[in-house]
C-alpha atoms as a PDB file:
ATOM      1  CA  UNK A   1     -23.497  -8.224  -0.066  1.00  0.00           C
ATOM      2  CA  UNK A   2     -24.999  -5.824  -2.598  1.00  0.00           C
ATOM      3  CA  UNK A   3     -23.063  -5.321  -5.834  1.00  0.00           C
ATOM      4  CA  UNK A   4     -24.985  -2.164  -6.781  1.00  0.00           C
ATOM      5  CA  UNK A   5     -22.739   0.554  -8.200  1.00  0.00           C
ATOM      6  CA  UNK A   6     -22.702   3.937  -6.481  1.00  0.00           C
ATOM      7  CA  UNK A   7     -20.956   7.155  -7.504  1.00  0.00           C
ATOM      8  CA  UNK A   8     -18.402   8.052  -4.840  1.00  0.00           C
ATOM      9  CA  UNK A   9     -15.538  10.488  -4.273  1.00  0.00           C
ATOM     10  CA  UNK A  10     -12.271   8.574  -3.779  1.00  0.00           C
ATOM     11  CA  UNK A  11      -9.444  10.665  -2.381  1.00  0.00           C
ATOM     12  CA  UNK A  12      -5.728  10.536  -3.143  1.00  0.00           C
ATOM     13  CA  UNK A  13      -2.747  12.539  -1.933  1.00  0.00           C
ATOM     14  CA  UNK A  14      -2.903  14.817  -4.999  1.00  0.00           C
ATOM     15  CA  UNK A  15      -6.620  15.049  -5.696  1.00  0.00           C
ATOM     16  CA  UNK A  16      -9.602  12.782  -6.084  1.00  0.00           C
ATOM     17  CA  UNK A  17     -11.664  10.863  -8.619  1.00  0.00           C
ATOM     18  CA  UNK A  18     -15.409  10.397  -8.929  1.00  0.00           C
ATOM     19  CA  UNK A  19     -16.131   6.769  -9.769  1.00  0.00           C
ATOM     20  CA  UNK A  20     -18.923   4.209  -9.565  1.00  0.00           C
ATOM     21  CA  UNK A  21     -17.897   1.504  -7.105  1.00  0.00           C
ATOM     22  CA  UNK A  22     -19.460  -1.546  -5.487  1.00  0.00           C
ATOM     23  CA  UNK A  23     -20.158  -1.959  -1.783  1.00  0.00           C
ATOM     24  CA  UNK A  24     -17.099  -4.219  -1.542  1.00  0.00           C
ATOM     25  CA  UNK A  25     -14.879  -1.538  -3.098  1.00  0.00           C
ATOM     26  CA  UNK A  26     -16.301   1.041  -0.695  1.00  0.00           C
ATOM     27  CA  UNK A  27     -15.275  -1.192   2.212  1.00  0.00           C
ATOM     28  CA  UNK A  28     -11.759  -1.424   0.796  1.00  0.00           C
ATOM     29  CA  UNK A  29     -11.547   2.347   0.445  1.00  0.00           C
ATOM     30  CA  UNK A  30     -12.721   3.026   3.998  1.00  0.00           C
ATOM     31  CA  UNK A  31      -9.671   3.342   6.279  1.00  0.00           C
ATOM     32  CA  UNK A  32     -11.705   4.905   9.067  1.00  0.00           C
ATOM     33  CA  UNK A  33     -13.624   8.179   9.112  1.00  0.00           C
ATOM     34  CA  UNK A  34     -16.083   9.593   6.572  1.00  0.00           C
ATOM     35  CA  UNK A  35     -13.721   9.743   3.567  1.00  0.00           C
ATOM     36  CA  UNK A  36     -13.052   6.983   1.062  1.00  0.00           C
ATOM     37  CA  UNK A  37      -9.531   6.519  -0.300  1.00  0.00           C
ATOM     38  CA  UNK A  38      -8.485   5.398  -3.756  1.00  0.00           C
ATOM     39  CA  UNK A  39      -5.208   3.706  -2.793  1.00  0.00           C
ATOM     40  CA  UNK A  40      -6.643   0.630  -1.003  1.00  0.00           C
ATOM     41  CA  UNK A  41      -8.980  -0.108  -3.909  1.00  0.00           C
ATOM     42  CA  UNK A  42      -6.124  -0.423  -6.396  1.00  0.00           C
ATOM     43  CA  UNK A  43      -6.512  -0.171 -10.155  1.00  0.00           C
ATOM     44  CA  UNK A  44     -10.047   0.789 -11.153  1.00  0.00           C
ATOM     45  CA  UNK A  45     -11.649   0.284 -14.527  1.00  0.00           C
ATOM     46  CA  UNK A  46     -11.135   3.690 -16.160  1.00  0.00           C
ATOM     47  CA  UNK A  47     -14.623   3.467 -17.660  1.00  0.00           C
ATOM     48  CA  UNK A  48     -16.037   3.613 -14.115  1.00  0.00           C
ATOM     49  CA  UNK A  49     -14.331   6.989 -13.466  1.00  0.00           C
ATOM     50  CA  UNK A  50     -16.465   9.966 -14.456  1.00  0.00           C
ATOM     51  CA  UNK A  51     -14.304  12.888 -13.242  1.00  0.00           C
ATOM     52  CA  UNK A  52     -10.990  13.632 -11.598  1.00  0.00           C
ATOM     53  CA  UNK A  53      -9.695  16.619  -9.655  1.00  0.00           C
ATOM     54  CA  UNK A  54      -6.011  17.633  -9.570  1.00  0.00           C
ATOM     55  CA  UNK A  55      -4.721  19.627  -6.584  1.00  0.00           C
ATOM     56  CA  UNK A  56      -1.877  21.046  -8.679  1.00  0.00           C
ATOM     57  CA  UNK A  57      -4.167  22.313 -11.438  1.00  0.00           C
ATOM     58  CA  UNK A  58      -6.861  23.167  -8.872  1.00  0.00           C
ATOM     59  CA  UNK A  59      -9.350  22.041 -11.473  1.00  0.00           C
ATOM     60  CA  UNK A  60     -11.806  19.225 -12.086  1.00  0.00           C
ATOM     61  CA  UNK A  61     -11.656  17.363 -15.389  1.00  0.00           C
ATOM     62  CA  UNK A  62     -14.149  15.113 -17.131  1.00  0.00           C
ATOM     63  CA  UNK A  63     -13.256  11.459 -17.486  1.00  0.00           C
ATOM     64  CA  UNK A  64     -10.516   9.340 -15.976  1.00  0.00           C
ATOM     65  CA  UNK A  65      -6.898  10.369 -15.296  1.00  0.00           C
ATOM     66  CA  UNK A  66      -4.047   8.404 -16.859  1.00  0.00           C
ATOM     67  CA  UNK A  67      -3.357   5.129 -15.050  1.00  0.00           C
ATOM     68  CA  UNK A  68       0.218   3.791 -15.083  1.00  0.00           C
ATOM     69  CA  UNK A  69       1.617   0.763 -13.275  1.00  0.00           C
ATOM     70  CA  UNK A  70       4.480  -1.694 -12.979  1.00  0.00           C
ATOM     71  CA  UNK A  71       4.966  -5.131 -11.458  1.00  0.00           C
ATOM     72  CA  UNK A  72       8.152  -5.047  -9.323  1.00  0.00           C
ATOM     73  CA  UNK A  73       7.498  -8.391  -7.558  1.00  0.00           C
ATOM     74  CA  UNK A  74       9.597  -7.078  -4.649  1.00  0.00           C
ATOM     75  CA  UNK A  75       9.730  -8.929  -1.337  1.00  0.00           C
ATOM     76  CA  UNK A  76       8.722  -6.474   1.402  1.00  0.00           C
ATOM     77  CA  UNK A  77       8.506  -9.125   4.136  1.00  0.00           C
ATOM     78  CA  UNK A  78       9.160 -12.824   4.375  1.00  0.00           C
ATOM     79  CA  UNK A  79       6.491 -14.399   2.156  1.00  0.00           C
ATOM     80  CA  UNK A  80       4.932 -11.029   1.236  1.00  0.00           C
ATOM     81  CA  UNK A  81       5.461  -9.666  -2.282  1.00  0.00           C
ATOM     82  CA  UNK A  82       4.753  -6.207  -3.688  1.00  0.00           C
ATOM     83  CA  UNK A  83       3.087  -7.463  -6.880  1.00  0.00           C
ATOM     84  CA  UNK A  84       1.961  -4.202  -8.463  1.00  0.00           C
ATOM     85  CA  UNK A  85       2.330  -0.477  -7.850  1.00  0.00           C
ATOM     86  CA  UNK A  86       0.719   2.245  -9.881  1.00  0.00           C
ATOM     87  CA  UNK A  87      -0.391   5.843 -10.102  1.00  0.00           C
ATOM     88  CA  UNK A  88      -3.359   7.885 -11.221  1.00  0.00           C
ATOM     89  CA  UNK A  89      -1.850  10.842 -13.107  1.00  0.00           C
ATOM     90  CA  UNK A  90      -3.459  14.118 -14.157  1.00  0.00           C
ATOM     91  CA  UNK A  91      -3.869  14.277 -17.931  1.00  0.00           C
ATOM     92  CA  UNK A  92      -3.121  18.004 -17.920  1.00  0.00           C
ATOM     93  CA  UNK A  93      -0.069  18.614 -15.683  1.00  0.00           C
ATOM     94  CA  UNK A  94       1.081  14.983 -15.187  1.00  0.00           C
ATOM     95  CA  UNK A  95       1.001  15.312 -11.378  1.00  0.00           C
ATOM     96  CA  UNK A  96       0.179  12.241  -9.296  1.00  0.00           C
ATOM     97  CA  UNK A  97      -3.391  12.201  -8.014  1.00  0.00           C
ATOM     98  CA  UNK A  98      -3.063   8.909  -6.136  1.00  0.00           C
ATOM     99  CA  UNK A  99      -0.842   5.847  -5.821  1.00  0.00           C
ATOM    100  CA  UNK A 100      -1.673   2.274  -4.966  1.00  0.00           C
ATOM    101  CA  UNK A 101       0.143  -0.965  -4.155  1.00  0.00           C
ATOM    102  CA  UNK A 102      -1.060  -4.552  -4.379  1.00  0.00           C
ATOM    103  CA  UNK A 103       0.467  -7.453  -2.455  1.00  0.00           C
ATOM    104  CA  UNK A 104       0.464 -11.245  -2.592  1.00  0.00           C
ATOM    105  CA  UNK A 105       1.935 -14.146  -0.676  1.00  0.00           C
ATOM    106  CA  UNK A 106       4.327 -16.543  -2.375  1.00  0.00           C
ATOM    107  CA  UNK A 107       3.029 -19.354  -0.212  1.00  0.00           C
ATOM    108  CA  UNK A 108      -0.665 -18.894   0.601  1.00  0.00           C
ATOM    109  CA  UNK A 109      -0.415 -21.479   3.396  1.00  0.00           C
ATOM    110  CA  UNK A 110       2.754 -19.978   4.868  1.00  0.00           C
ATOM    111  CA  UNK A 111       3.283 -17.250   7.430  1.00  0.00           C
ATOM    112  CA  UNK A 112       4.277 -13.644   6.823  1.00  0.00           C
ATOM    113  CA  UNK A 113       7.641 -13.047   8.504  1.00  0.00           C
ATOM    114  CA  UNK A 114       9.921 -10.129   9.341  1.00  0.00           C
ATOM    115  CA  UNK A 115       9.022  -6.847   7.698  1.00  0.00           C
ATOM    116  CA  UNK A 116      11.474  -5.245   5.295  1.00  0.00           C
ATOM    117  CA  UNK A 117      11.627  -1.572   4.242  1.00  0.00           C
ATOM    118  CA  UNK A 118      10.163  -0.666   0.876  1.00  0.00           C
ATOM    119  CA  UNK A 119      12.899   0.448  -1.509  1.00  0.00           C
ATOM    120  CA  UNK A 120      12.361   3.195  -4.115  1.00  0.00           C
ATOM    121  CA  UNK A 121      11.277   1.886  -7.504  1.00  0.00           C
ATOM    122  CA  UNK A 122      11.535   3.265 -11.024  1.00  0.00           C
ATOM    123  CA  UNK A 123       8.671   5.225 -12.521  1.00  0.00           C
ATOM    124  CA  UNK A 124       5.761   2.908 -13.341  1.00  0.00           C
ATOM    125  CA  UNK A 125       5.183   2.007 -16.956  1.00  0.00           C
ATOM    126  CA  UNK A 126       2.048   3.287 -18.681  1.00  0.00           C
ATOM    127  CA  UNK A 127      -0.840   0.861 -18.592  1.00  0.00           C
ATOM    128  CA  UNK A 128      -2.260  -0.402 -21.841  1.00  0.00           C
ATOM    129  CA  UNK A 129      -5.588   1.132 -22.840  1.00  0.00           C
ATOM    130  CA  UNK A 130      -6.758  -2.110 -24.433  1.00  0.00           C
ATOM    131  CA  UNK A 131     -10.298  -2.844 -23.141  1.00  0.00           C
ATOM    132  CA  UNK A 132      -9.451  -6.390 -22.125  1.00  0.00           C
ATOM    133  CA  UNK A 133      -6.744  -5.052 -19.759  1.00  0.00           C
ATOM    134  CA  UNK A 134      -8.557  -1.998 -18.445  1.00  0.00           C
ATOM    135  CA  UNK A 135     -11.652  -4.016 -17.636  1.00  0.00           C
ATOM    136  CA  UNK A 136      -9.867  -6.470 -15.385  1.00  0.00           C
ATOM    137  CA  UNK A 137     -11.285  -6.728 -11.879  1.00  0.00           C
ATOM    138  CA  UNK A 138      -9.070  -4.613  -9.593  1.00  0.00           C
ATOM    139  CA  UNK A 139      -7.346  -6.293  -6.672  1.00  0.00           C
ATOM    140  CA  UNK A 140      -6.641  -4.686  -3.342  1.00  0.00           C
ATOM    141  CA  UNK A 141      -4.133  -4.758  -0.580  1.00  0.00           C
ATOM    142  CA  UNK A 142      -6.793  -4.579   2.092  1.00  0.00           C
ATOM    143  CA  UNK A 143      -9.217  -7.382   1.289  1.00  0.00           C
ATOM    144  CA  UNK A 144      -8.914 -11.149   0.757  1.00  0.00           C
ATOM    145  CA  UNK A 145      -8.148 -12.325  -2.774  1.00  0.00           C
ATOM    146  CA  UNK A 146      -5.986 -14.970  -4.404  1.00  0.00           C
ATOM    147  CA  UNK A 147      -3.278 -12.510  -5.418  1.00  0.00           C
ATOM    148  CA  UNK A 148      -3.466  -9.933  -2.633  1.00  0.00           C
ATOM    149  CA  UNK A 149      -4.660 -11.691   0.496  1.00  0.00           C
ATOM    150  CA  UNK A 150      -2.641 -11.448   3.687  1.00  0.00           C
ATOM    151  CA  UNK A 151      -5.307 -13.198   5.725  1.00  0.00           C
ATOM    152  CA  UNK A 152      -2.790 -15.014   7.938  1.00  0.00           C
ATOM    153  CA  UNK A 153      -2.298 -11.850  10.012  1.00  0.00           C
ATOM    154  CA  UNK A 154      -5.976 -10.917  10.372  1.00  0.00           C
ATOM    155  CA  UNK A 155      -7.181 -11.179  13.950  1.00  0.00           C
ATOM    156  CA  UNK A 156      -3.709 -11.588  15.439  1.00  0.00           C
ATOM    157  CA  UNK A 157      -2.855  -9.792  18.663  1.00  0.00           C
ATOM    158  CA  UNK A 158      -0.389  -6.895  18.420  1.00  0.00           C
ATOM    159  CA  UNK A 159       2.080  -6.191  21.217  1.00  0.00           C
ATOM    160  CA  UNK A 160       4.564  -3.349  21.595  1.00  0.00           C
ATOM    161  CA  UNK A 161       8.207  -3.768  22.633  1.00  0.00           C
ATOM    162  CA  UNK A 162       7.145  -3.597  26.304  1.00  0.00           C
ATOM    163  CA  UNK A 163       4.780  -6.580  25.915  1.00  0.00           C
ATOM    164  CA  UNK A 164       1.680  -4.372  26.135  1.00  0.00           C
ATOM    165  CA  UNK A 165      -1.194  -5.374  23.866  1.00  0.00           C
ATOM    166  CA  UNK A 166      -2.137  -2.480  21.601  1.00  0.00           C
ATOM    167  CA  UNK A 167      -4.818  -4.089  19.457  1.00  0.00           C
ATOM    168  CA  UNK A 168      -5.733  -6.688  16.845  1.00  0.00           C
ATOM    169  CA  UNK A 169      -4.646  -6.846  13.200  1.00  0.00           C
ATOM    170  CA  UNK A 170      -7.382  -6.089  10.685  1.00  0.00           C
ATOM    171  CA  UNK A 171      -5.750  -5.724   7.262  1.00  0.00           C
ATOM    172  CA  UNK A 172      -2.833  -4.311   5.309  1.00  0.00           C
ATOM    173  CA  UNK A 173      -3.447  -0.880   3.823  1.00  0.00           C
ATOM    174  CA  UNK A 174      -2.003   2.320   2.403  1.00  0.00           C
ATOM    175  CA  UNK A 175      -2.286   5.603   4.292  1.00  0.00           C
ATOM    176  CA  UNK A 176      -2.808   9.111   2.893  1.00  0.00           C
ATOM    177  CA  UNK A 177       0.946   9.510   2.302  1.00  0.00           C
ATOM    178  CA  UNK A 178       0.948   6.302   0.198  1.00  0.00           C
ATOM    179  CA  UNK A 179       2.962   4.412   2.834  1.00  0.00           C
ATOM    180  CA  UNK A 180       2.270   0.782   3.713  1.00  0.00           C
ATOM    181  CA  UNK A 181       0.493   0.373   7.064  1.00  0.00           C
ATOM    182  CA  UNK A 182      -1.192  -2.295   9.152  1.00  0.00           C
ATOM    183  CA  UNK A 183      -4.799  -1.329   9.891  1.00  0.00           C
ATOM    184  CA  UNK A 184      -5.741  -2.424  13.413  1.00  0.00           C
ATOM    185  CA  UNK A 185      -8.622  -2.492  15.849  1.00  0.00           C
ATOM    186  CA  UNK A 186      -7.377  -0.850  19.044  1.00  0.00           C
ATOM    187  CA  UNK A 187      -8.115  -2.148  22.517  1.00  0.00           C
ATOM    188  CA  UNK A 188     -10.803   0.530  22.984  1.00  0.00           C
ATOM    189  CA  UNK A 189     -12.610  -0.671  19.845  1.00  0.00           C
ATOM    190  CA  UNK A 190     -11.594   2.209  17.588  1.00  0.00           C
ATOM    191  CA  UNK A 191      -9.669   1.766  14.341  1.00  0.00           C
ATOM    192  CA  UNK A 192      -6.082   2.889  13.802  1.00  0.00           C
ATOM    193  CA  UNK A 193      -2.995   2.095  11.781  1.00  0.00           C
ATOM    194  CA  UNK A 194       0.646   1.210  12.395  1.00  0.00           C
ATOM    195  CA  UNK A 195       3.458   2.017   9.915  1.00  0.00           C
ATOM    196  CA  UNK A 196       4.743  -1.205   8.374  1.00  0.00           C
ATOM    197  CA  UNK A 197       8.310  -0.201   9.250  1.00  0.00           C
ATOM    198  CA  UNK A 198       7.319  -0.333  12.942  1.00  0.00           C
ATOM    199  CA  UNK A 199       6.686  -4.087  12.761  1.00  0.00           C
ATOM    200  CA  UNK A 200       9.579  -6.182  14.045  1.00  0.00           C
ATOM    201  CA  UNK A 201       8.219  -9.701  13.665  1.00  0.00           C
ATOM    202  CA  UNK A 202       5.034 -11.418  12.523  1.00  0.00           C
ATOM    203  CA  UNK A 203       4.372 -14.847  14.016  1.00  0.00           C
ATOM    204  CA  UNK A 204       1.553 -16.143  16.203  1.00  0.00           C
ATOM    205  CA  UNK A 205       1.453 -12.539  17.416  1.00  0.00           C
ATOM    206  CA  UNK A 206       2.640  -9.296  15.827  1.00  0.00           C
ATOM    207  CA  UNK A 207       5.534  -7.677  17.671  1.00  0.00           C
ATOM    208  CA  UNK A 208       6.347  -4.008  17.252  1.00  0.00           C
ATOM    209  CA  UNK A 209       9.844  -2.543  17.383  1.00  0.00           C
ATOM    210  CA  UNK A 210      12.732  -1.895  15.031  1.00  0.00           C
ATOM    211  CA  UNK A 211      12.812  -4.511  12.227  1.00  0.00           C
ATOM    212  CA  UNK A 212      15.943  -6.660  12.195  1.00  0.00           C
ATOM    213  CA  UNK A 213      16.794  -5.865   8.593  1.00  0.00           C
ATOM    214  CA  UNK A 214      20.196  -4.222   8.912  1.00  0.00           C
ATOM    215  CA  UNK A 215      22.730  -5.566   6.463  1.00  0.00           C
ATOM    216  CA  UNK A 216      26.435  -5.546   7.230  1.00  0.00           C
ATOM    217  CA  UNK A 217      28.080  -2.787   5.206  1.00  0.00           C
ATOM    218  CA  UNK A 218      24.840  -1.019   4.304  1.00  0.00           C
ATOM    219  CA  UNK A 219      24.988   2.686   5.129  1.00  0.00           C
ATOM    220  CA  UNK A 220      22.232   3.735   7.576  1.00  0.00           C
ATOM    221  CA  UNK A 221      22.249   7.231   6.067  1.00  0.00           C
ATOM    222  CA  UNK A 222      22.214   6.772   2.281  1.00  0.00           C
ATOM    223  CA  UNK A 223      21.726   3.019   1.912  1.00  0.00           C
ATOM    224  CA  UNK A 224      24.934   2.490  -0.074  1.00  0.00           C
ATOM    225  CA  UNK A 225      26.141  -1.116  -0.055  1.00  0.00           C
ATOM    226  CA  UNK A 226      29.691  -0.965   1.298  1.00  0.00           C
ATOM    227  CA  UNK A 227      32.097  -3.854   1.630  1.00  0.00           C
ATOM    228  CA  UNK A 228      31.593  -6.005   4.710  1.00  0.00           C
ATOM    229  CA  UNK A 229      33.672  -4.684   7.595  1.00  0.00           C
ATOM    230  CA  UNK A 230      33.688  -1.084   6.344  1.00  0.00           C
ATOM    231  CA  UNK A 231      33.674   1.467   9.189  1.00  0.00           C
ATOM    232  CA  UNK A 232      32.668   4.462   7.064  1.00  0.00           C
ATOM    233  CA  UNK A 233      30.407   4.754   4.030  1.00  0.00           C
ATOM    234  CA  UNK A 234      32.362   5.044   0.787  1.00  0.00           C
ATOM    235  CA  UNK A 235      29.621   7.186  -0.694  1.00  0.00           C
ATOM    236  CA  UNK A 236      28.679   9.741   2.011  1.00  0.00           C
ATOM    237  CA  UNK A 237      31.281   9.161   4.746  1.00  0.00           C
ATOM    238  CA  UNK A 238      28.769   8.302   7.486  1.00  0.00           C
ATOM    239  CA  UNK A 239      30.087   6.009  10.234  1.00  0.00           C
ATOM    240  CA  UNK A 240      28.621   2.520   9.893  1.00  0.00           C
END
């Protein structure tokens, strides 16, 4: 595959950046359709970004936006870890231009199990501007790699709760609202995506439905962790 760099527009939920990317990065940023998205590519080398546009400022700026990130190492499914999450932030108004998330498996030879909901995290810490850190090769949620690969689900059949086959798993990705999704090839050959929260179980096949992640005492409304056996939430009063 060609490694030639090409200047491309990479979209985010709050704007876009103009950056030189490889063919491989273009494939990662293509979630279907003519547009390329920044989120699946992950953390780019800021020196490769020539311009950025902020929807809030309604203005294009020279150079790269600020890139901030953190490493929560949060388990979002059995054997699937949210290793890094970050944002591209406008240097002028501090609005978010795009977000990204990078995943890894604890056990590369193991299976990915029941999906879990992503919990809110604290604001990412600012990334160091040291060249040796900025120049690191970005990793992605959507393509194979030692720290981000979820290859065990690629090519697996996907069935809904009524045992109807809906397609085949392609890769894990992030949609335009920065939510985790499973990119699939539908039965008619077109590409689509399924919200990660719609996955009930991942085994030899992928089964859709409501994930079995309810915890006794956890409020379904506000998420407050009540004592086991509680009938009403101590925080908001919702019936459990």
